[in-house]
Amino acid sequence: MNEINLSKMDLPDKVGQLMMFGFAGTTPSGEIKEMIRRYRVGGIILFSRNIEDTKQVLQLNRELQETARKAVHPLPLLIATDQENGIVHRLGQGSTVFPGNMAQAAISRDRDRLVYRISRATAKELKALGFNMNLAPVLDVNHNPTNPVIGVRSFGEDPQNVAKLGTIHLQGHRDAGVIPVIKHFPGHGDTEHDSHLELPVVEHDPERLARVELFPFRQAVEAGAESVMVAHIHFPAWDPDNQLPATLSDNIINNLLRKQIGFQGVTVSDCMEMKAITNRMPTPEAVVQSIKAGMDLILISHSYSLQKESVLQVIRAVRQKELDESLIDRACQRVMQLKRKYLDWHQVRSETKLTVPGFVGGTRHRELAREAYQSAVTLVQNKEGVIPLSPRGGEKTLVLCPQTARLTLVEDRDIDSVYLRNVVERTLVNGHLHFYSLDPDENETDKCLRMADHHTNIIVFTVNATHHPGQAQLVRKLVDRQNRTVIAVALRSPYDGSLFPEVPAFLATYEYAHAAIETAFLVISGRIEARGRLPVSIPDGDGKSGSPCL
């Protein structure tokens, strides 16, 4: 690719192109407009807080681009979001809810074709709403059942499978004209800590890291990945002499990623306000250090004051010779080349009508999502043919479900209690729904057990019971009840099944989207057969890794 001529860009122009900032609100704030106009910021990241529905976000993105055009930016803004699908679903009302990575990986029939179609349909909806970059796919290999932040966001535990599905995802996005960003390099899948809250450390040796964590990223780079997000994780195998996260590590970015793996595209930081960074140094200082280490595009998602100070600190660092301007030029060159490949002002200006295309949230995309969910839901265990459930006479069925809150900072939605109640009424004869706390105490568990005594069949949902032991205790006590049929359904992590192996029947839906919940009830009632296959091994009762089925 020909190099961009940077001679007409002064230092603030170039520094601004290395920044991707977020803001609060559903219309462009005065602060973000100032960042675009005065500080020449060339990238914007949107979250659920910015998005109400499809028409609103299309208008928002158009206003952001118009602000940059009037400020005479050389190329349009990069406008990104984390539309991973599944539990990380940023687009608002009117968009299609597609399955996330682990649910996609569970599809056993025509999987690769469906994964490609989901990726391309996702990217088409993003592009139609004014986005041009997606911070996905997640290529972390989830080897740790207790991982608090990746889990079902991963395609699973097999590096080759993760690599294959990740490269299919890349192709779908690129075919639709949206920039995919592979993440979280070098791998967030085997951590026990969330980098939003602290600095995780991955202790594996270089051979294991190359064989597992790095394999999907190598394959994606070979398949033409043009952008990669680097994680705030410390790897002693590559940085034995300090406690640097990968985002600040020259060894990881320049030596490992660029020289050894051969990646020549745009490196993107995870948000520089995360505590894995700020517990070590202030955000503006970390931004300078990350550029020294080889970072091209810096994410600061929330604080206007940190955004402003970071831009100014980078400029000061160059002028005071702390930071070589050639590093700014190199990073800006890569960002501008990526922009020029995918973006131009003619295209942005030609899209004058603020009309959401019919395919966004349309029938074909909804049917694709439903087909995928019905192919993904997995019947992990079914002792003595408990499923399909066929209540006799006046038998009553109790459905128990956690009242969920967002379990990590990256998630977007809770269980839709109104929808769940409607599904129970629609699919079960004499069905009754009761919500319990995410981690019920002994008193609440006893209340659920007393309710169960008045029902013959119990369907109990769990949501990450591996981190909320009260849920598993409830399931085990229900199983101990005499003359009761108990079916457990993991609405999130399939690893929950390791906590109650004695349950007669166990289903995994991987997430609690409407179509996933409805599919679970269709399977339980025998209206369809479960077709999914576990993409991870369920540990046995002592926490050791077991077979892909209980």
Protein backbone atom coordinates (compact mmCIF):
# COMPACT_ATOMS: atom_id res chain seq x y z
CA MET A 1 0.00 0.00 0.00
CA ASN A 2 1.30 3.45 -0.90
CA GLU A 3 2.28 5.65 2.00
CA ILE A 4 0.13 8.59 3.03
CA ASN A 5 1.76 12.00 2.63
CA LEU A 6 1.99 13.35 6.18
CA SER A 7 3.78 16.56 5.20
CA LYS A 8 0.55 18.61 5.33
CA MET A 9 -0.27 17.35 8.85
CA ASP A 10 1.20 19.16 11.83
CA LEU A 11 1.99 17.38 15.11
CA PRO A 12 -1.47 17.88 16.74
CA ASP A 13 -3.14 16.58 13.55
CA LYS A 14 -1.04 13.42 13.65
CA VAL A 15 -1.50 12.85 17.38
CA GLY A 16 -5.26 13.28 17.02
CA GLN A 17 -5.39 10.49 14.46
CA LEU A 18 -3.95 8.11 17.05
CA MET A 19 -6.85 8.65 19.45
CA MET A 20 -10.23 6.92 19.73
CA PHE A 21 -12.46 8.48 22.40
CA GLY A 22 -15.86 7.81 23.93
CA PHE A 23 -18.42 10.14 25.48
CA ALA A 24 -21.71 10.07 27.36
CA GLY A 25 -25.12 10.69 25.80
CA THR A 26 -27.09 9.83 22.68
CA THR A 27 -26.18 13.00 20.79
CA PRO A 28 -22.68 14.39 20.19
CA SER A 29 -21.57 16.15 23.35
CA GLY A 30 -19.88 19.51 23.25
CA GLU A 31 -16.77 17.86 24.64
CA ILE A 32 -16.51 15.24 21.90
CA LYS A 33 -17.13 17.91 19.24
CA GLU A 34 -14.26 19.91 20.75
CA MET A 35 -12.06 16.82 20.60
CA ILE A 36 -12.86 16.35 16.90
CA ARG A 37 -12.52 20.04 15.97
CA ARG A 38 -9.74 21.37 18.17
CA TYR A 39 -7.75 18.28 19.08
CA ARG A 40 -8.21 16.57 15.68
CA VAL A 41 -9.29 13.26 17.22
CA GLY A 42 -9.85 10.78 14.39
CA GLY A 43 -11.66 7.92 16.12
CA ILE A 44 -14.85 7.50 18.17
CA ILE A 45 -16.04 4.49 20.18
CA LEU A 46 -19.71 4.07 21.05
CA PHE A 47 -21.22 2.00 23.85
CA SER A 48 -24.76 1.03 24.86
CA ARG A 49 -25.00 4.35 26.74
CA ASN A 50 -24.84 6.11 23.35
CA ILE A 51 -27.38 3.95 21.54
CA GLU A 52 -31.17 3.85 21.89
CA ASP A 53 -32.32 2.50 18.57
CA THR A 54 -31.17 2.14 14.98
CA LYS A 55 -32.47 5.47 13.66
CA GLN A 56 -30.98 7.40 16.58
CA VAL A 57 -27.51 5.87 16.23
CA LEU A 58 -27.52 6.44 12.48
CA GLN A 59 -28.26 10.12 13.14
CA LEU A 60 -25.56 10.22 15.84
CA ASN A 61 -22.90 8.76 13.58
CA ARG A 62 -23.88 11.10 10.74
CA GLU A 63 -23.52 14.12 13.04
CA LEU A 64 -20.12 12.93 14.24
CA GLN A 65 -18.86 12.54 10.67
CA GLU A 66 -20.31 15.92 9.70
CA THR A 67 -18.41 17.51 12.60
CA ALA A 68 -15.16 16.01 11.29
CA ARG A 69 -15.90 16.99 7.69
CA LYS A 70 -16.54 20.61 8.64
CA ALA A 71 -13.32 20.56 10.67
CA VAL A 72 -11.54 19.54 7.42
CA HIS A 73 -10.29 16.16 8.59
CA PRO A 74 -8.39 14.53 5.70
CA LEU A 75 -10.41 11.30 6.02
CA PRO A 76 -13.62 10.34 7.86
CA LEU A 77 -13.67 9.27 11.48
CA LEU A 78 -13.18 5.69 12.48
CA ILE A 79 -16.41 4.93 14.37
CA ALA A 80 -16.20 1.70 16.32
CA THR A 81 -18.14 -0.37 18.82
CA ASP A 82 -17.89 -3.81 20.48
CA GLN A 83 -20.57 -5.70 18.55
CA GLU A 84 -19.33 -9.16 19.53
CA ASN A 85 -22.93 -10.46 19.57
CA GLY A 86 -24.25 -12.58 22.42
CA ILE A 87 -23.70 -10.97 25.82
CA VAL A 88 -21.77 -8.03 24.30
CA HIS A 89 -24.35 -6.54 21.98
CA ARG A 90 -24.10 -2.76 21.64
CA LEU A 91 -26.65 -1.99 18.92
CA GLY A 92 -30.00 -0.87 20.24
CA GLN A 93 -33.64 -1.53 19.54
CA GLY A 94 -34.37 -2.50 15.98
CA SER A 95 -31.11 -4.39 15.35
CA THR A 96 -30.76 -8.16 15.15
CA VAL A 97 -29.59 -10.10 18.20
CA PHE A 98 -27.20 -12.75 16.89
CA PRO A 99 -25.54 -15.51 18.95
CA GLY A 100 -22.11 -14.82 20.44
CA ASN A 101 -18.93 -16.79 19.85
CA MET A 102 -19.41 -19.81 22.10
CA ALA A 103 -22.96 -20.32 20.90
CA GLN A 104 -21.74 -20.12 17.30
CA ALA A 105 -18.99 -22.63 18.05
CA ALA A 106 -21.61 -25.01 19.50
CA ILE A 107 -23.43 -25.26 16.16
CA SER A 108 -22.92 -28.79 14.84
CA ARG A 109 -24.68 -28.62 11.49
CA ASP A 110 -23.45 -26.35 8.68
CA ARG A 111 -21.56 -24.34 11.28
CA ASP A 112 -18.95 -22.61 9.14
CA ARG A 113 -21.55 -21.32 6.71
CA LEU A 114 -23.71 -19.99 9.53
CA VAL A 115 -20.74 -18.29 11.24
CA TYR A 116 -19.84 -16.53 7.99
CA ARG A 117 -23.44 -15.44 7.42
CA ILE A 118 -23.73 -14.12 10.98
CA SER A 119 -20.48 -12.18 10.66
CA ARG A 120 -21.45 -10.66 7.32
CA ALA A 121 -24.98 -9.82 8.49
CA THR A 122 -23.60 -8.21 11.66
CA ALA A 123 -21.18 -6.10 9.63
CA LYS A 124 -23.91 -5.10 7.17
CA GLU A 125 -26.06 -3.80 10.02
CA LEU A 126 -23.10 -1.96 11.53
CA LYS A 127 -22.21 -0.31 8.23
CA ALA A 128 -25.82 0.65 7.53
CA LEU A 129 -25.90 2.46 10.89
CA GLY A 130 -22.70 4.42 10.27
CA PHE A 131 -20.08 2.21 11.90
CA ASN A 132 -16.92 1.28 10.00
CA MET A 133 -14.95 -0.65 12.64
CA ASN A 134 -15.97 -3.49 14.96
CA LEU A 135 -13.87 -4.43 17.99
CA ALA A 136 -14.39 -8.13 17.29
CA PRO A 137 -13.86 -11.06 16.95
CA VAL A 138 -12.58 -12.30 20.30
CA LEU A 139 -9.78 -14.81 19.58
CA ASP A 140 -9.03 -15.69 23.20
CA VAL A 141 -8.86 -19.44 23.83
CA ASN A 142 -10.97 -19.99 26.96
CA HIS A 143 -9.10 -22.66 28.90
CA ASN A 144 -10.07 -21.42 32.35
CA PRO A 145 -13.60 -22.27 33.59
CA THR A 146 -13.32 -19.52 36.21
CA ASN A 147 -12.34 -16.78 33.74
CA PRO A 148 -14.44 -13.82 34.93
CA VAL A 149 -14.51 -11.75 31.75
CA ILE A 150 -14.11 -13.95 28.63
CA GLY A 151 -16.01 -17.23 29.01
CA VAL A 152 -18.78 -17.44 26.40
CA ARG A 153 -17.23 -14.51 24.50
CA SER A 154 -14.67 -17.09 23.27
CA PHE A 155 -15.17 -19.67 20.52
CA GLY A 156 -14.00 -22.28 23.03
CA GLU A 157 -10.97 -24.18 24.29
CA ASP A 158 -9.53 -25.60 21.05
CA PRO A 159 -6.99 -23.18 19.50
CA GLN A 160 -7.49 -24.59 16.01
CA ASN A 161 -11.26 -24.25 16.26
CA VAL A 162 -10.94 -20.69 17.58
CA ALA A 163 -8.56 -19.86 14.74
CA LYS A 164 -10.83 -21.34 12.08
CA LEU A 165 -13.99 -19.59 13.25
CA GLY A 166 -12.09 -16.36 13.86
CA THR A 167 -10.78 -16.21 10.31
CA ILE A 168 -14.26 -16.96 8.95
CA HIS A 169 -15.53 -14.06 11.03
CA LEU A 170 -12.81 -11.80 9.61
CA GLN A 171 -13.84 -12.62 6.07
CA GLY A 172 -17.51 -11.93 6.70
CA HIS A 173 -16.78 -8.46 8.06
CA ARG A 174 -14.32 -7.54 5.36
CA ASP A 175 -16.71 -8.70 2.63
CA ALA A 176 -19.28 -6.28 4.08
CA GLY A 177 -16.79 -3.39 4.21
CA VAL A 178 -16.31 -3.15 7.98
CA ILE A 179 -12.89 -3.29 9.67
CA PRO A 180 -12.67 -6.20 12.15
CA VAL A 181 -10.33 -5.92 15.15
CA ILE A 182 -9.05 -9.22 16.54
CA LYS A 183 -8.66 -9.28 20.33
CA HIS A 184 -7.32 -9.54 23.07
CA PHE A 185 -3.70 -10.16 21.99
CA PRO A 186 -1.72 -12.12 23.16
CA GLY A 187 -4.67 -13.88 24.87
CA HIS A 188 -7.08 -13.23 27.73
CA GLY A 189 -8.55 -16.75 27.83
CA ASP A 190 -6.61 -18.28 30.73
CA THR A 191 -6.89 -15.56 33.35
CA GLU A 192 -8.65 -15.51 36.70
CA HIS A 193 -8.84 -11.72 36.90
CA ASP A 194 -10.64 -9.05 34.91
CA SER A 195 -8.31 -6.41 33.45
CA HIS A 196 -11.03 -3.81 33.98
CA LEU A 197 -10.36 -4.24 37.70
CA GLU A 198 -6.72 -5.37 38.06
CA LEU A 199 -3.70 -6.58 36.10
CA PRO A 200 -4.05 -10.27 35.19
CA VAL A 201 -0.88 -12.35 34.93
CA VAL A 202 -0.53 -15.36 32.59
CA GLU A 203 2.31 -17.55 33.85
CA HIS A 204 2.60 -20.07 31.00
CA ASP A 205 5.92 -20.78 29.30
CA PRO A 206 6.63 -19.64 25.73
CA GLU A 207 5.97 -23.08 24.20
CA ARG A 208 2.48 -23.32 25.71
CA LEU A 209 1.69 -19.71 24.82
CA ALA A 210 2.73 -20.28 21.21
CA ARG A 211 0.71 -23.50 20.95
CA VAL A 212 -2.49 -22.20 22.55
CA GLU A 213 -2.84 -18.47 23.11
CA LEU A 214 -0.96 -17.22 20.04
CA PHE A 215 -2.19 -19.77 17.51
CA PRO A 216 -5.49 -18.06 16.57
CA PHE A 217 -3.78 -14.68 16.27
CA ARG A 218 -1.07 -16.08 13.98
CA GLN A 219 -3.72 -17.65 11.77
CA ALA A 220 -5.74 -14.44 11.65
CA VAL A 221 -2.68 -12.39 10.68
CA GLU A 222 -1.90 -14.88 7.91
CA ALA A 223 -5.54 -14.51 6.79
CA GLY A 224 -5.05 -10.74 6.42
CA ALA A 225 -6.13 -9.25 9.75
CA GLU A 226 -5.52 -5.50 9.55
CA SER A 227 -6.10 -4.48 13.16
CA VAL A 228 -5.47 -6.11 16.52
CA MET A 229 -6.39 -5.04 20.06
CA VAL A 230 -3.68 -5.58 22.66
CA ALA A 231 -4.68 -6.59 26.19
CA HIS A 232 -3.73 -5.17 29.57
CA ILE A 233 -2.20 -8.48 30.72
CA HIS A 234 1.29 -9.28 32.00
CA PHE A 235 3.18 -12.21 30.46
CA PRO A 236 6.38 -13.01 32.42
CA ALA A 237 7.51 -15.35 29.62
CA TRP A 238 8.00 -12.34 27.33
CA ASP A 239 8.60 -9.60 29.92
CA PRO A 240 10.49 -11.32 32.75
CA ASP A 241 12.16 -8.17 34.09
CA ASN A 242 9.09 -6.03 34.81
CA GLN A 243 5.36 -6.07 35.46
CA LEU A 244 4.29 -4.33 32.26
CA PRO A 245 0.94 -5.10 30.66
CA ALA A 246 1.21 -6.08 26.99
CA THR A 247 -0.09 -2.65 25.94
CA LEU A 248 3.07 -1.03 27.33
CA SER A 249 5.51 -3.74 26.27
CA ASP A 250 7.92 -3.19 23.39
CA ASN A 251 8.84 -6.89 23.61
CA ILE A 252 5.26 -7.97 22.99
CA ILE A 253 4.17 -5.37 20.44
CA ASN A 254 7.30 -4.84 18.36
CA ASN A 255 9.25 -8.06 18.85
CA LEU A 256 6.49 -10.66 19.22
CA LEU A 257 3.58 -9.21 17.24
CA ARG A 258 5.37 -7.30 14.50
CA LYS A 259 8.71 -9.10 14.01
CA GLN A 260 7.93 -12.71 14.93
CA ILE A 261 4.28 -12.95 13.84
CA GLY A 262 4.68 -10.45 11.01
CA PHE A 263 1.71 -8.18 11.72
CA GLN A 264 1.98 -4.88 9.85
CA GLY A 265 -1.42 -3.38 10.53
CA VAL A 266 -2.92 -1.12 13.21
CA THR A 267 -2.50 -1.97 16.89
CA VAL A 268 -5.35 -0.82 19.14
CA SER A 269 -5.13 -0.51 22.91
CA ASP A 270 -7.80 -1.71 25.26
CA CYS A 271 -9.24 1.22 27.20
CA MET A 272 -6.48 3.11 28.97
CA GLU A 273 -8.75 3.91 31.91
CA MET A 274 -8.95 0.28 33.02
CA LYS A 275 -7.48 -0.42 36.43
CA ALA A 276 -4.89 -2.79 35.01
CA ILE A 277 -3.32 0.45 33.74
CA THR A 278 -4.36 3.11 36.26
CA ASN A 279 -3.30 1.05 39.27
CA ARG A 280 0.22 1.32 37.84
CA MET A 281 0.41 4.85 36.40
CA PRO A 282 -1.85 7.75 35.36
CA THR A 283 -3.62 7.33 32.02
CA PRO A 284 -1.80 10.20 30.19
CA GLU A 285 1.59 8.79 31.17
CA ALA A 286 0.50 5.30 30.10
CA VAL A 287 -0.61 6.66 26.72
CA VAL A 288 2.89 8.02 26.06
CA GLN A 289 4.43 4.72 27.15
CA SER A 290 2.10 2.72 24.91
CA ILE A 291 3.06 4.76 21.84
CA LYS A 292 6.73 4.20 22.70
CA ALA A 293 5.98 0.47 22.85
CA GLY A 294 4.42 0.47 19.37
CA MET A 295 0.72 1.23 19.89
CA ASP A 296 -1.06 3.00 17.01
CA LEU A 297 -4.61 3.70 18.16
CA ILE A 298 -5.36 4.60 21.79
CA LEU A 299 -8.75 4.04 23.40
CA ILE A 300 -9.94 6.32 26.22
CA SER A 301 -13.61 5.57 26.62
CA HIS A 302 -14.98 7.83 29.32
CA SER A 303 -13.21 10.80 30.89
CA TYR A 304 -12.96 14.05 28.91
CA SER A 305 -10.26 15.39 31.24
CA LEU A 306 -8.11 12.28 30.72
CA GLN A 307 -8.67 12.44 26.99
CA LYS A 308 -7.60 16.06 26.77
CA GLU A 309 -4.61 15.64 29.06
CA SER A 310 -3.46 12.53 27.17
CA VAL A 311 -3.43 14.38 23.83
CA LEU A 312 -1.52 17.28 25.36
CA GLN A 313 0.93 14.99 27.15
CA VAL A 314 1.79 13.16 23.92
CA ILE A 315 2.41 16.48 22.17
CA ARG A 316 4.56 17.68 25.09
CA ALA A 317 6.50 14.43 25.11
CA VAL A 318 7.40 14.90 21.44
CA ARG A 319 8.35 18.55 21.83
CA GLN A 320 10.48 17.78 24.90
CA LYS A 321 12.23 14.92 23.04
CA GLU A 322 10.86 12.28 25.41
CA LEU A 323 8.99 10.69 22.51
CA ASP A 324 10.47 10.46 19.03
CA GLU A 325 8.18 12.03 16.43
CA SER A 326 9.07 9.23 14.04
CA LEU A 327 6.98 6.91 16.24
CA ILE A 328 4.02 9.28 15.83
CA ASP A 329 4.58 9.35 12.07
CA ARG A 330 4.79 5.57 11.82
CA ALA A 331 1.61 5.05 13.83
CA CYS A 332 -0.26 7.78 11.97
CA GLN A 333 0.83 6.31 8.65
CA ARG A 334 -0.67 2.94 9.57
CA VAL A 335 -3.95 4.46 10.83
CA MET A 336 -4.36 6.66 7.76
CA GLN A 337 -3.62 3.80 5.38
CA LEU A 338 -6.32 1.71 7.04
CA LYS A 339 -8.74 4.61 6.82
CA ARG A 340 -7.99 5.23 3.17
CA LYS A 341 -8.64 1.58 2.33
CA TYR A 342 -12.13 1.58 3.87
CA LEU A 343 -13.28 5.21 4.08
CA ASP A 344 -13.69 8.29 1.92
CA TRP A 345 -15.63 11.52 2.22
CA HIS A 346 -17.47 10.95 -1.04
CA GLN A 347 -19.09 7.85 0.40
CA VAL A 348 -20.04 9.61 3.64
CA ARG A 349 -21.46 12.65 1.80
CA SER A 350 -23.43 10.49 -0.64
CA GLU A 351 -25.40 8.89 2.22
CA THR A 352 -27.78 11.81 2.66
CA LYS A 353 -30.98 10.02 3.64
CA LEU A 354 -31.28 9.09 7.30
CA THR A 355 -33.20 5.92 6.50
CA VAL A 356 -32.43 2.63 8.20
CA PRO A 357 -32.40 -0.12 5.54
CA GLY A 358 -35.04 -2.81 5.91
CA PHE A 359 -32.51 -5.59 6.37
CA VAL A 360 -31.40 -4.11 9.73
CA GLY A 361 -33.36 -6.18 12.22
CA GLY A 362 -35.33 -7.53 9.28
CA THR A 363 -36.96 -10.91 8.72
CA ARG A 364 -34.00 -12.59 7.01
CA HIS A 365 -31.56 -11.62 9.73
CA ARG A 366 -33.96 -12.63 12.51
CA GLU A 367 -34.50 -15.99 10.84
CA LEU A 368 -30.74 -16.46 10.54
CA ALA A 369 -30.35 -15.76 14.26
CA ARG A 370 -33.16 -18.16 15.15
CA GLU A 371 -31.65 -20.89 12.97
CA ALA A 372 -28.29 -20.43 14.66
CA TYR A 373 -29.72 -20.51 18.19
CA GLN A 374 -31.73 -23.63 17.44
CA SER A 375 -28.56 -25.27 16.14
CA ALA A 376 -26.47 -24.18 19.15
CA VAL A 377 -28.47 -25.04 22.29
CA THR A 378 -26.82 -28.15 23.73
CA LEU A 379 -28.32 -31.04 25.66
CA VAL A 380 -25.33 -31.95 27.80
CA GLN A 381 -26.97 -34.56 29.99
CA ASN A 382 -30.30 -36.41 29.86
CA LYS A 383 -30.46 -39.27 32.34
CA GLU A 384 -33.30 -41.74 31.71
CA GLY A 385 -34.81 -39.56 28.99
CA VAL A 386 -36.13 -36.82 31.28
CA ILE A 387 -36.24 -34.58 28.21
CA PRO A 388 -38.70 -34.30 26.48
CA LEU A 389 -40.72 -33.38 29.54
CA SER A 390 -44.27 -34.70 29.30
CA PRO A 391 -46.30 -33.65 32.36
CA ARG A 392 -49.23 -35.95 33.15
CA GLY A 393 -52.66 -34.81 34.19
CA GLY A 394 -52.56 -31.82 36.50
CA GLU A 395 -48.79 -31.91 37.13
CA LYS A 396 -47.36 -28.46 37.66
CA THR A 397 -43.95 -27.15 36.54
CA LEU A 398 -41.96 -24.56 38.47
CA VAL A 399 -39.44 -22.42 36.58
CA LEU A 400 -36.76 -20.80 38.77
CA CYS A 401 -34.56 -18.08 37.30
CA PRO A 402 -31.91 -15.73 38.75
CA GLN A 403 -32.60 -12.02 38.78
CA THR A 404 -29.48 -11.03 36.90
CA ALA A 405 -27.41 -7.92 36.92
CA ARG A 406 -24.66 -7.37 34.37
CA LEU A 407 -21.91 -9.70 35.51
CA THR A 408 -18.98 -7.80 33.95
CA LEU A 409 -18.36 -4.24 32.83
CA VAL A 410 -18.47 -5.19 29.15
CA GLU A 411 -21.99 -6.61 29.14
CA ASP A 412 -25.12 -4.89 27.95
CA ARG A 413 -28.34 -6.61 28.93
CA ASP A 414 -30.12 -8.50 31.70
CA ILE A 415 -32.61 -11.33 31.33
CA ASP A 416 -35.87 -9.99 29.93
CA SER A 417 -38.25 -11.02 32.73
CA VAL A 418 -41.39 -10.06 30.80
CA TYR A 419 -40.35 -12.14 27.81
CA LEU A 420 -39.43 -15.11 30.00
CA ARG A 421 -42.80 -15.00 31.71
CA ASN A 422 -44.55 -14.96 28.34
CA VAL A 423 -42.50 -17.96 27.13
CA VAL A 424 -43.36 -19.94 30.26
CA GLU A 425 -47.07 -19.22 29.81
CA ARG A 426 -46.91 -20.04 26.11
CA THR A 427 -44.93 -23.30 26.25
CA LEU A 428 -45.80 -24.93 29.59
CA VAL A 429 -49.14 -26.22 30.83
CA ASN A 430 -49.50 -25.33 34.52
CA GLY A 431 -46.14 -23.52 34.44
CA HIS A 432 -45.19 -21.04 37.14
CA LEU A 433 -42.19 -18.65 37.12
CA HIS A 434 -40.29 -17.44 40.17
CA PHE A 435 -37.18 -15.25 40.23
CA TYR A 436 -34.48 -15.77 42.83
CA SER A 437 -31.37 -13.77 43.70
CA LEU A 438 -28.17 -14.17 41.72
CA ASP A 439 -26.54 -15.75 44.78
CA PRO A 440 -29.39 -16.94 47.03
CA ASP A 441 -28.76 -17.35 50.74
CA GLU A 442 -30.12 -20.19 52.88
CA ASN A 443 -33.43 -18.47 53.59
CA GLU A 444 -34.13 -17.81 49.92
CA THR A 445 -33.08 -21.33 48.98
CA ASP A 446 -35.51 -22.74 51.55
CA LYS A 447 -38.30 -20.59 50.06
CA CYS A 448 -37.60 -22.03 46.60
CA LEU A 449 -37.58 -25.55 48.02
CA ARG A 450 -40.96 -25.03 49.68
CA MET A 451 -42.35 -23.83 46.35
CA ALA A 452 -40.84 -26.88 44.63
CA ASP A 453 -42.73 -29.16 47.03
CA HIS A 454 -45.96 -28.06 45.32
CA HIS A 455 -44.67 -28.89 41.82
CA THR A 456 -43.75 -32.15 40.13
CA ASN A 457 -41.31 -30.75 37.57
CA ILE A 458 -38.63 -28.14 38.23
CA ILE A 459 -36.75 -26.19 35.55
CA VAL A 460 -33.98 -24.21 37.23
CA PHE A 461 -31.94 -21.66 35.30
CA THR A 462 -28.41 -20.72 36.33
CA VAL A 463 -26.24 -17.76 35.31
CA ASN A 464 -22.53 -18.22 36.02
CA ALA A 465 -23.09 -20.43 39.05
CA THR A 466 -19.31 -21.00 39.13
CA HIS A 467 -19.06 -17.47 40.55
CA HIS A 468 -22.33 -17.55 42.55
CA PRO A 469 -22.28 -20.71 44.68
CA GLY A 470 -25.80 -20.20 46.04
CA GLN A 471 -27.19 -21.17 42.65
CA ALA A 472 -25.40 -24.53 42.63
CA GLN A 473 -26.47 -25.19 46.23
CA LEU A 474 -30.09 -24.59 45.17
CA VAL A 475 -29.83 -27.03 42.26
CA ARG A 476 -28.27 -29.74 44.42
CA LYS A 477 -30.96 -29.39 47.09
CA LEU A 478 -33.68 -29.54 44.44
CA VAL A 479 -32.20 -32.77 43.10
CA ASP A 480 -32.26 -34.22 46.62
CA ARG A 481 -36.03 -33.63 46.81
CA GLN A 482 -37.96 -36.88 46.41
CA ASN A 483 -40.31 -37.48 43.48
CA ARG A 484 -39.28 -34.36 41.61
CA THR A 485 -37.98 -34.11 38.05
CA VAL A 486 -35.25 -31.46 37.88
CA ILE A 487 -33.86 -29.93 34.70
CA ALA A 488 -31.01 -27.40 34.94
CA VAL A 489 -30.42 -24.87 32.17
CA ALA A 490 -27.23 -22.77 32.06
CA LEU A 491 -28.24 -19.45 30.53
CA ARG A 492 -24.63 -18.33 30.39
CA SER A 493 -21.58 -20.46 31.24
CA PRO A 494 -21.84 -24.17 30.43
CA TYR A 495 -19.21 -24.74 33.12
CA ASP A 496 -22.08 -24.49 35.65
CA GLY A 497 -22.75 -28.16 34.96
CA SER A 498 -19.59 -29.14 36.83
CA LEU A 499 -21.25 -28.04 40.09
CA PHE A 500 -24.26 -30.36 39.97
CA PRO A 501 -23.33 -33.49 37.96
CA GLU A 502 -26.13 -35.43 39.64
CA VAL A 503 -28.89 -33.36 37.97
CA PRO A 504 -31.02 -35.59 35.71
CA ALA A 505 -30.94 -33.23 32.73
CA PHE A 506 -28.72 -30.29 31.84
CA LEU A 507 -29.00 -27.85 28.92
CA ALA A 508 -26.60 -25.09 27.87
CA THR A 509 -27.85 -22.07 25.94
CA TYR A 510 -24.64 -19.95 26.31
CA GLU A 511 -26.63 -16.72 26.62
CA TYR A 512 -30.08 -15.43 27.47
CA ALA A 513 -31.24 -13.85 24.25
CA HIS A 514 -34.92 -14.33 23.50
CA ALA A 515 -34.27 -16.94 20.82
CA ALA A 516 -31.91 -18.88 23.10
CA ILE A 517 -34.47 -19.05 25.92
CA GLU A 518 -37.27 -20.02 23.56
CA THR A 519 -35.11 -22.76 22.05
CA ALA A 520 -34.47 -24.20 25.53
CA PHE A 521 -38.20 -24.49 26.16
CA LEU A 522 -38.80 -26.01 22.72
CA VAL A 523 -36.16 -28.66 23.49
CA ILE A 524 -37.52 -29.36 26.98
CA SER A 525 -41.06 -29.77 25.64
CA GLY A 526 -39.87 -32.04 22.83
CA ARG A 527 -40.92 -29.77 19.98
CA ILE A 528 -37.41 -29.71 18.58
CA GLU A 529 -34.25 -31.71 19.26
CA ALA A 530 -31.14 -30.09 20.72
CA ARG A 531 -28.43 -30.06 18.07
CA GLY A 532 -25.53 -28.19 19.70
CA ARG A 533 -22.20 -29.65 20.79
CA LEU A 534 -20.09 -28.33 23.67
CA PRO A 535 -17.04 -26.34 22.47
CA VAL A 536 -15.47 -26.64 25.95
CA SER A 537 -14.88 -29.46 28.42
CA ILE A 538 -16.93 -29.47 31.58
CA PRO A 539 -14.69 -30.03 34.62
CA ASP A 540 -15.66 -32.81 37.00
CA GLY A 541 -16.76 -32.10 40.54
CA ASP A 542 -13.25 -31.38 41.85
CA GLY A 543 -12.64 -28.70 39.22
CA LYS A 544 -10.46 -30.83 36.92
CA SER A 545 -11.09 -30.71 33.21
CA GLY A 546 -13.34 -33.49 32.03
CA SER A 547 -14.82 -34.65 28.77
CA PRO A 548 -16.97 -32.44 26.54
CA CYS A 549 -20.01 -34.02 28.20
CA LEU A 550 -20.73 -34.65 31.84
